[in-house]
C-alpha atoms as a PDB file:
ATOM      1  CA  MET A   1      98.879 108.166 108.991  1.00  0.00           C
ATOM      2  CA  SER A   2      95.325 108.631 110.144  1.00  0.00           C
ATOM      3  CA  CYS A   3      92.104 107.646 108.483  1.00  0.00           C
ATOM      4  CA  GLY A   4      89.589 109.544 110.602  1.00  0.00           C
ATOM      5  CA  SER A   5      87.332 107.245 112.564  1.00  0.00           C
ATOM      6  CA  SER A   6      88.363 104.070 110.704  1.00  0.00           C
ATOM      7  CA  PRO A   7      91.247 102.169 112.301  1.00  0.00           C
ATOM      8  CA  VAL A   8      94.322 101.647 110.118  1.00  0.00           C
ATOM      9  CA  GLU A   9      95.105  97.986 109.472  1.00  0.00           C
ATOM     10  CA  PRO A  10      98.310  96.463 108.031  1.00  0.00           C
ATOM     11  CA  GLN A  11      96.531  95.697 104.745  1.00  0.00           C
ATOM     12  CA  ASP A  12      95.789  99.443 104.391  1.00  0.00           C
ATOM     13  CA  LEU A  13      99.544 100.121 104.322  1.00  0.00           C
ATOM     14  CA  ALA A  14     100.669  97.245 102.089  1.00  0.00           C
ATOM     15  CA  GLY A  15     103.026  98.394  99.350  1.00  0.00           C
ATOM     16  CA  SER A  16     106.540  99.507  98.505  1.00  0.00           C
ATOM     17  CA  TYR A  17     108.041 102.655  99.978  1.00  0.00           C
ATOM     18  CA  VAL A  18     111.288 104.578  99.401  1.00  0.00           C
ATOM     19  CA  ALA A  19     112.699 107.402 101.461  1.00  0.00           C
ATOM     20  CA  THR A  20     112.439 110.776  99.744  1.00  0.00           C
ATOM     21  CA  SER A  21     113.799 112.768 102.680  1.00  0.00           C
ATOM     22  CA  LEU A  22     115.839 111.755 105.715  1.00  0.00           C
ATOM     23  CA  THR A  23     117.859 114.024 107.980  1.00  0.00           C
ATOM     24  CA  PHE A  24     120.337 112.688 110.511  1.00  0.00           C
ATOM     25  CA  THR A  25     121.284 114.451 113.724  1.00  0.00           C
ATOM     26  CA  GLY A  26     123.793 113.825 116.464  1.00  0.00           C
ATOM     27  CA  ALA A  27     127.476 114.744 116.444  1.00  0.00           C
ATOM     28  CA  GLN A  28     126.743 116.139 112.990  1.00  0.00           C
ATOM     29  CA  THR A  29     123.573 116.974 111.069  1.00  0.00           C
ATOM     30  CA  GLY A  30     122.895 116.392 107.399  1.00  0.00           C
ATOM     31  CA  ASP A  31     120.930 114.845 104.580  1.00  0.00           C
ATOM     32  CA  PHE A  32     121.229 111.041 104.637  1.00  0.00           C
ATOM     33  CA  LEU A  33     120.094 110.669 101.023  1.00  0.00           C
ATOM     34  CA  ALA A  34     122.433 113.374  99.698  1.00  0.00           C
ATOM     35  CA  GLU A  35     125.309 111.507 101.380  1.00  0.00           C
ATOM     36  CA  GLY A  36     124.418 108.445  99.257  1.00  0.00           C
ATOM     37  CA  GLY A  37     122.127 106.594 101.652  1.00  0.00           C
ATOM     38  CA  SER A  38     118.850 104.974 100.704  1.00  0.00           C
ATOM     39  CA  ILE A  39     115.942 103.154 102.282  1.00  0.00           C
ATOM     40  CA  GLN A  40     113.516 100.865 100.457  1.00  0.00           C
ATOM     41  CA  ILE A  41     110.906  98.822 102.311  1.00  0.00           C
ATOM     42  CA  MET A  42     107.911  96.704 101.382  1.00  0.00           C
ATOM     43  CA  LEU A  43     105.053  96.267 103.857  1.00  0.00           C
ATOM     44  CA  THR A  44     102.732  93.308 103.363  1.00  0.00           C
ATOM     45  CA  ALA A  45      99.081  92.932 104.322  1.00  0.00           C
ATOM     46  CA  SER A  46     100.111  90.233 106.808  1.00  0.00           C
ATOM     47  CA  GLY A  47     102.386  92.652 108.714  1.00  0.00           C
ATOM     48  CA  THR A  48     105.788  91.534 107.423  1.00  0.00           C
ATOM     49  CA  THR A  49     108.547  93.685 105.940  1.00  0.00           C
ATOM     50  CA  THR A  50     111.357  93.238 103.443  1.00  0.00           C
ATOM     51  CA  GLY A  51     113.815  95.800 102.217  1.00  0.00           C
ATOM     52  CA  THR A  52     117.192  97.396 102.612  1.00  0.00           C
ATOM     53  CA  MET A  53     118.835 100.467 104.073  1.00  0.00           C
ATOM     54  CA  VAL A  54     122.120 101.499 102.490  1.00  0.00           C
ATOM     55  CA  VAL A  55     124.383 103.457 104.833  1.00  0.00           C
ATOM     56  CA  PRO A  56     127.095 105.311 102.898  1.00  0.00           C
ATOM     57  CA  ALA A  57     130.723 104.893 103.944  1.00  0.00           C
ATOM     58  CA  SER A  58     130.838 108.540 105.049  1.00  0.00           C
ATOM     59  CA  LEU A  59     128.208 107.815 107.724  1.00  0.00           C
ATOM     60  CA  SER A  60     129.116 104.239 108.608  1.00  0.00           C
ATOM     61  CA  GLU A  61     130.981 103.410 111.810  1.00  0.00           C
ATOM     62  CA  SER A  62     133.035 100.857 109.849  1.00  0.00           C
ATOM     63  CA  GLY A  63     134.049 103.398 107.199  1.00  0.00           C
ATOM     64  CA  SER A  64     132.611 101.132 104.499  1.00  0.00           C
ATOM     65  CA  GLN A  65     129.222 101.227 102.821  1.00  0.00           C
ATOM     66  CA  GLU A  66     126.796  98.974 104.672  1.00  0.00           C
ATOM     67  CA  THR A  67     123.582  97.377 103.422  1.00  0.00           C
ATOM     68  CA  LEU A  68     121.187  96.585 106.273  1.00  0.00           C
ATOM     69  CA  ASP A  69     118.383  94.039 106.005  1.00  0.00           C
ATOM     70  CA  LEU A  70     114.931  95.373 106.927  1.00  0.00           C
ATOM     71  CA  THR A  71     113.235  91.968 107.008  1.00  0.00           C
ATOM     72  CA  GLY A  72     110.852  91.751 109.943  1.00  0.00           C
ATOM     73  CA  THR A  73     107.365  92.656 111.052  1.00  0.00           C
ATOM     74  CA  PHE A  74     105.352  95.784 111.725  1.00  0.00           C
ATOM     75  CA  MET A  75     102.195  96.551 113.624  1.00  0.00           C
ATOM     76  CA  VAL A  76      99.729  99.392 113.873  1.00  0.00           C
ATOM     77  CA  THR A  77      98.725 100.708 117.285  1.00  0.00           C
ATOM     78  CA  ASP A  78      96.390 103.697 117.627  1.00  0.00           C
ATOM     79  CA  ASP A  79      96.947 104.447 113.906  1.00  0.00           C
ATOM     80  CA  ILE A  80     100.740 104.638 114.425  1.00  0.00           C
ATOM     81  CA  VAL A  81     102.999 102.245 112.509  1.00  0.00           C
END
């Protein structure tokens, strides 16, 4: 995301986001969302994150669906999150 000459700050990105497209590559290639995966994340103005990533059983190393916690922090450097 770029905002021209104005630097991007965490508060500019605050909000909820969901993946609408995600392709995986490696030993196989495919559509993560079509396989049943999902990603939902909330970015706060203070630079923290909450959310989940659901990895479908068909793509999980364990063979079971996994829900991963996306709690953490983010930062913006040179307009790159």
